[in-house]
Amino acid sequence: MLEPLTHGALRSIDACGSPLSYVESGDGPVLLLVHGSLCDLRYWRWQIPALGRHFRVIAPSLRGYWPHAFEQADPTFNLVQHAADLEQLIDAVAGRPVHLLGHSRGARVALELAARTPGRIASLILADPGLQTVPSAAAMAFQRQAVDRLAMGDVEGALEGFIDTVNGADTWRRMTGWFKEMVRDNAATLFSQAAEQGAVFETSRIQPLRCPVLLLGGEHSPPRFARAMDSLQAVLTQAERDVIPMASHGMNLGNARAFNARVERFVLRAHAQP
């Protein structure tokens, strides 16, 4: 059985004037996990104990998420600020370059961090990156629909629409209780996310990146994530690419064993490189 992590021992730092909470487990090379939309550090419940057997795993909740969740739109909730907060976390807690893993919107945050401070990144794993290389009217439309439902008090409808659009039809209905609780705790972050600017990422910004890179997709993930990885692979010529079988967008939950094994193998090899 995989050992789940519920909350763990929460720690926190002051990151650019805002509390940034995190948990950590294990010893060895530092592996920093960055969650995506509507999630928080609890999203990594199947990764923290398992990967902590080989690495010092650090899993933060990004600014505005549980346990310090914003309840209304806040301009400090944005991709650049998230990356700046993580810079402070790395300096304060890790004290050395980290192996960085980001999922979905968290992969977009990871890209921002890698572009800003490549010297802090020992290797980079991007799992189904939520990447726009050109403005997407469709992305803005479904976020706006979710926000409109939230504003009317239809929390369940808003979350169902958002989750099913990102992950695939009927995902919300089939999700476990702990996942739904986490998402409900972070529902109001959609007000900030829908208002943030600068979601489009210019891939040329990471062309100078020389660290090992792994692009991970789920076998049943929506096609737009594969297209995002195509655009990254065209620039990151050193990148490896792999697929987690029997999993969709939430691949670290849907097939945790395969996901953990692939991450472990990549990071151990990357860490051993001179």
Protein backbone atom coordinates (compact mmCIF):
# COMPACT_ATOMS: atom_id res chain seq x y z
CA MET A 1 0.00 0.00 0.00
CA LEU A 2 1.12 3.54 -0.73
CA GLU A 3 1.25 5.60 2.44
CA PRO A 4 -0.98 8.69 2.11
CA LEU A 5 -0.12 12.09 3.50
CA THR A 6 -3.05 14.10 4.82
CA HIS A 7 -1.62 17.31 6.24
CA GLY A 8 1.75 16.54 7.78
CA ALA A 9 3.65 19.00 9.94
CA LEU A 10 3.04 22.41 8.41
CA ARG A 11 5.91 24.86 8.40
CA SER A 12 5.95 28.35 6.96
CA ILE A 13 8.16 31.23 5.90
CA ASP A 14 7.43 34.84 5.06
CA ALA A 15 7.65 35.06 1.28
CA CYS A 16 7.51 38.59 -0.07
CA GLY A 17 5.26 39.65 2.80
CA SER A 18 2.87 36.68 2.63
CA PRO A 19 2.90 33.40 4.60
CA LEU A 20 4.02 30.43 2.51
CA SER A 21 3.25 27.07 4.10
CA TYR A 22 4.96 23.83 3.18
CA VAL A 23 5.68 20.31 4.35
CA GLU A 24 8.86 18.34 3.87
CA SER A 25 9.93 14.74 4.15
CA GLY A 26 13.12 12.76 3.75
CA ASP A 27 16.75 13.57 3.16
CA GLY A 28 19.03 13.84 0.15
CA PRO A 29 18.72 15.83 -3.09
CA VAL A 30 16.01 18.47 -2.78
CA LEU A 31 12.84 17.85 -4.83
CA LEU A 32 10.40 20.77 -4.89
CA LEU A 33 6.78 19.94 -5.84
CA VAL A 34 4.52 22.66 -7.28
CA HIS A 35 0.77 22.02 -7.45
CA GLY A 36 -1.72 23.39 -9.97
CA SER A 37 -5.11 25.12 -9.96
CA LEU A 38 -7.54 24.53 -7.08
CA CYS A 39 -4.98 22.34 -5.29
CA ASP A 40 -2.42 22.82 -2.54
CA LEU A 41 0.35 20.83 -0.86
CA ARG A 42 -2.16 18.06 -0.04
CA TYR A 43 -2.31 17.23 -3.75
CA TRP A 44 1.00 15.39 -3.37
CA ARG A 45 -0.27 12.96 -0.70
CA TRP A 46 0.97 9.93 -2.67
CA GLN A 47 4.33 11.54 -3.57
CA ILE A 48 5.65 13.09 -0.34
CA PRO A 49 6.16 9.87 1.67
CA ALA A 50 7.15 7.73 -1.33
CA LEU A 51 9.67 10.13 -2.88
CA GLY A 52 10.84 11.11 0.59
CA ARG A 53 12.58 7.74 0.77
CA HIS A 54 15.15 9.00 -1.72
CA PHE A 55 14.92 12.80 -1.65
CA ARG A 56 14.30 15.73 0.63
CA VAL A 57 10.84 16.52 -0.68
CA ILE A 58 9.49 20.04 -0.14
CA ALA A 59 5.85 20.67 -1.06
CA PRO A 60 4.50 24.21 -0.62
CA SER A 61 1.02 25.64 -0.99
CA LEU A 62 1.37 28.55 -3.39
CA ARG A 63 0.31 32.06 -2.35
CA GLY A 64 -3.45 32.34 -1.97
CA TYR A 65 -4.12 28.62 -1.49
CA TRP A 66 -4.99 26.62 1.64
CA PRO A 67 -4.14 27.06 4.49
CA HIS A 68 -4.05 30.79 3.65
CA ALA A 69 -6.65 30.73 0.88
CA PHE A 70 -7.75 34.03 -0.66
CA GLU A 71 -11.49 34.62 -0.56
CA GLN A 72 -11.58 37.27 -3.27
CA ALA A 73 -9.50 38.45 -6.22
CA ASP A 74 -6.04 39.58 -5.15
CA PRO A 75 -3.51 41.13 -7.57
CA THR A 76 -0.59 39.45 -5.76
CA PHE A 77 -1.92 36.10 -6.97
CA ASN A 78 -0.07 35.71 -10.26
CA LEU A 79 2.51 33.51 -11.93
CA VAL A 80 5.42 35.93 -11.50
CA GLN A 81 4.69 36.39 -7.79
CA HIS A 82 4.38 32.63 -7.28
CA ALA A 83 7.81 32.19 -8.87
CA ALA A 84 9.29 34.95 -6.69
CA ASP A 85 7.82 33.30 -3.58
CA LEU A 86 9.41 29.99 -4.55
CA GLU A 87 12.77 31.71 -5.02
CA GLN A 88 12.58 32.80 -1.40
CA LEU A 89 11.54 29.31 -0.30
CA ILE A 90 14.50 27.74 -2.11
CA ASP A 91 16.94 30.20 -0.58
CA ALA A 92 15.48 29.95 2.93
CA VAL A 93 14.79 26.21 3.15
CA ALA A 94 16.84 24.39 0.51
CA GLY A 95 19.90 26.60 0.29
CA ARG A 96 20.98 24.96 -2.96
CA PRO A 97 19.64 24.23 -6.47
CA VAL A 98 16.54 22.03 -6.47
CA HIS A 99 15.01 19.42 -8.69
CA LEU A 100 11.73 21.08 -9.64
CA LEU A 101 8.47 19.29 -10.48
CA GLY A 102 5.40 21.25 -11.54
CA HIS A 103 1.98 19.93 -12.54
CA SER A 104 -0.53 21.76 -14.77
CA ARG A 105 -0.59 25.46 -13.73
CA GLY A 106 2.21 24.55 -11.33
CA ALA A 107 4.32 23.58 -14.35
CA ARG A 108 3.70 27.07 -15.73
CA VAL A 109 4.93 28.49 -12.41
CA ALA A 110 7.95 26.17 -12.63
CA LEU A 111 8.72 27.48 -16.12
CA GLU A 112 8.55 31.05 -14.84
CA LEU A 113 10.94 30.17 -12.02
CA ALA A 114 13.35 28.37 -14.36
CA ALA A 115 13.34 31.28 -16.81
CA ARG A 116 13.97 33.82 -14.05
CA THR A 117 16.63 31.95 -12.09
CA PRO A 118 18.04 28.95 -13.99
CA GLY A 119 20.88 28.67 -11.46
CA ARG A 120 18.42 27.55 -8.79
CA ILE A 121 17.22 24.59 -10.89
CA ALA A 122 19.13 21.29 -10.97
CA SER A 123 16.52 19.55 -13.14
CA LEU A 124 12.99 20.25 -14.31
CA ILE A 125 9.95 17.98 -14.59
CA LEU A 126 6.83 19.38 -16.26
CA ALA A 127 3.74 17.19 -15.89
CA ASP A 128 0.94 18.13 -18.32
CA PRO A 129 2.04 21.78 -18.34
CA GLY A 130 -0.83 24.28 -18.42
CA LEU A 131 0.88 26.35 -21.07
CA GLN A 132 -0.43 29.02 -23.41
CA THR A 133 1.97 30.22 -26.08
CA VAL A 134 -0.72 32.48 -27.58
CA PRO A 135 -3.76 34.04 -25.86
CA SER A 136 -6.54 31.47 -25.54
CA ALA A 137 -10.14 32.70 -25.67
CA ALA A 138 -11.33 29.20 -24.76
CA ALA A 139 -9.21 29.13 -21.59
CA MET A 140 -10.52 32.50 -20.50
CA ALA A 141 -14.12 31.51 -21.31
CA PHE A 142 -14.27 28.42 -19.11
CA GLN A 143 -12.54 30.24 -16.25
CA ARG A 144 -15.03 33.09 -16.54
CA GLN A 145 -17.93 30.65 -16.51
CA ALA A 146 -16.59 29.08 -13.32
CA VAL A 147 -16.16 32.49 -11.69
CA ASP A 148 -19.67 33.56 -12.66
CA ARG A 149 -21.10 30.42 -11.05
CA LEU A 150 -19.02 30.99 -7.92
CA ALA A 151 -20.27 34.56 -7.68
CA MET A 152 -23.85 33.27 -7.81
CA GLY A 153 -23.12 30.82 -5.00
CA ASP A 154 -23.08 27.70 -7.20
CA VAL A 155 -19.80 26.34 -5.84
CA GLU A 156 -20.40 22.73 -6.93
CA GLY A 157 -21.37 23.75 -10.45
CA ALA A 158 -18.34 26.01 -10.76
CA LEU A 159 -15.93 23.33 -9.60
CA GLU A 160 -17.51 20.61 -11.69
CA GLY A 161 -17.27 22.75 -14.82
CA PHE A 162 -13.66 23.72 -14.17
CA ILE A 163 -12.40 20.27 -13.21
CA ASP A 164 -14.21 18.48 -16.04
CA THR A 165 -12.90 20.98 -18.62
CA VAL A 166 -9.30 20.56 -17.45
CA ASN A 167 -9.33 16.82 -16.72
CA GLY A 168 -12.07 15.33 -18.88
CA ALA A 169 -15.81 14.79 -18.69
CA ASP A 170 -17.27 13.35 -15.46
CA THR A 171 -14.02 13.76 -13.50
CA TRP A 172 -15.54 15.78 -10.67
CA ARG A 173 -18.30 13.26 -9.99
CA ARG A 174 -15.76 10.44 -9.72
CA MET A 175 -13.28 12.26 -7.48
CA THR A 176 -12.67 11.00 -3.93
CA GLY A 177 -13.85 12.92 -0.87
CA TRP A 178 -10.43 14.21 0.19
CA PHE A 179 -9.81 15.66 -3.27
CA LYS A 180 -13.17 17.43 -3.33
CA GLU A 181 -12.52 18.85 0.12
CA MET A 182 -9.19 20.26 -1.03
CA VAL A 183 -10.71 21.79 -4.15
CA ARG A 184 -13.57 23.36 -2.20
CA ASP A 185 -11.03 24.88 0.21
CA ASN A 186 -9.39 26.58 -2.78
CA ALA A 187 -12.50 27.43 -4.80
CA ALA A 188 -12.19 31.20 -4.31
CA THR A 189 -8.71 31.22 -5.87
CA LEU A 190 -10.53 31.13 -9.21
CA PHE A 191 -11.47 34.80 -8.69
CA SER A 192 -7.77 35.68 -8.63
CA GLN A 193 -6.76 33.22 -11.34
CA ALA A 194 -9.34 34.54 -13.80
CA ALA A 195 -8.08 38.09 -13.23
CA GLU A 196 -4.33 37.42 -13.48
CA GLN A 197 -2.34 38.72 -16.41
CA GLY A 198 0.65 37.26 -18.21
CA ALA A 199 -0.47 33.64 -18.57
CA VAL A 200 1.02 33.45 -22.07
CA PHE A 201 4.58 32.10 -21.98
CA GLU A 202 7.19 32.87 -24.62
CA THR A 203 9.09 29.59 -24.96
CA SER A 204 12.26 31.35 -26.16
CA ARG A 205 12.73 32.48 -22.55
CA ILE A 206 13.85 28.98 -21.56
CA GLN A 207 15.99 28.27 -24.60
CA PRO A 208 19.18 28.94 -22.56
CA LEU A 209 18.15 26.34 -19.95
CA ARG A 210 20.73 23.54 -19.86
CA CYS A 211 19.58 21.35 -16.98
CA PRO A 212 17.95 17.93 -17.58
CA VAL A 213 14.24 18.22 -18.43
CA LEU A 214 11.46 15.62 -18.36
CA LEU A 215 8.07 16.20 -19.98
CA LEU A 216 5.40 13.89 -18.59
CA GLY A 217 1.91 13.31 -19.95
CA GLY A 218 -0.96 11.10 -18.93
CA GLU A 219 -2.02 8.42 -21.39
CA HIS A 220 -5.59 9.77 -21.36
CA SER A 221 -4.87 13.46 -20.78
CA PRO A 222 -6.72 16.01 -22.95
CA PRO A 223 -4.76 16.65 -26.18
CA ARG A 224 -3.96 20.29 -25.39
CA PHE A 225 -1.36 19.21 -22.84
CA ALA A 226 0.50 17.16 -25.45
CA ARG A 227 0.46 20.18 -27.74
CA ALA A 228 1.97 22.29 -24.96
CA MET A 229 4.75 19.73 -24.55
CA ASP A 230 5.33 19.77 -28.31
CA SER A 231 6.00 23.51 -28.14
CA LEU A 232 8.40 23.06 -25.23
CA GLN A 233 10.22 20.14 -26.82
CA ALA A 234 10.92 22.26 -29.88
CA VAL A 235 12.95 24.62 -27.66
CA LEU A 236 14.26 22.28 -24.97
CA THR A 237 16.12 19.92 -27.25
CA GLN A 238 17.64 18.07 -24.28
CA ALA A 239 14.21 17.17 -22.90
CA GLU A 240 13.08 13.60 -22.35
CA ARG A 241 9.42 12.78 -22.82
CA ASP A 242 7.32 9.99 -21.38
CA VAL A 243 3.73 8.94 -20.77
CA ILE A 244 2.22 7.65 -17.52
CA PRO A 245 -0.02 4.73 -18.53
CA MET A 246 -3.60 4.29 -17.35
CA ALA A 247 -3.79 7.90 -16.17
CA SER A 248 -5.25 11.20 -17.25
CA HIS A 249 -4.29 14.74 -16.23
CA GLY A 250 -4.06 13.88 -12.52
CA MET A 251 -1.45 11.25 -13.31
CA ASN A 252 0.24 11.45 -9.90
CA LEU A 253 -3.04 10.29 -8.35
CA GLY A 254 -4.39 8.06 -11.13
CA ASN A 255 -1.23 5.96 -11.37
CA ALA A 256 0.91 7.04 -8.44
CA ARG A 257 3.25 4.06 -8.57
CA ALA A 258 4.23 4.64 -12.20
CA PHE A 259 4.47 8.40 -11.70
CA ASN A 260 6.65 8.10 -8.59
CA ALA A 261 8.92 5.53 -10.22
CA ARG A 262 9.44 7.70 -13.31
CA VAL A 263 10.19 10.81 -11.24
CA GLU A 264 12.54 8.88 -8.97
CA ARG A 265 14.48 7.43 -11.89
CA PHE A 266 14.84 10.78 -13.62
CA VAL A 267 15.90 12.77 -10.55
CA LEU A 268 18.42 10.17 -9.38
CA ARG A 269 20.03 10.15 -12.81
CA ALA A 270 19.94 13.94 -13.11
CA HIS A 271 21.49 14.35 -9.67
CA ALA A 272 24.31 11.98 -10.57
CA GLN A 273 25.32 14.06 -13.60
CA PRO A 274 28.38 16.28 -13.12
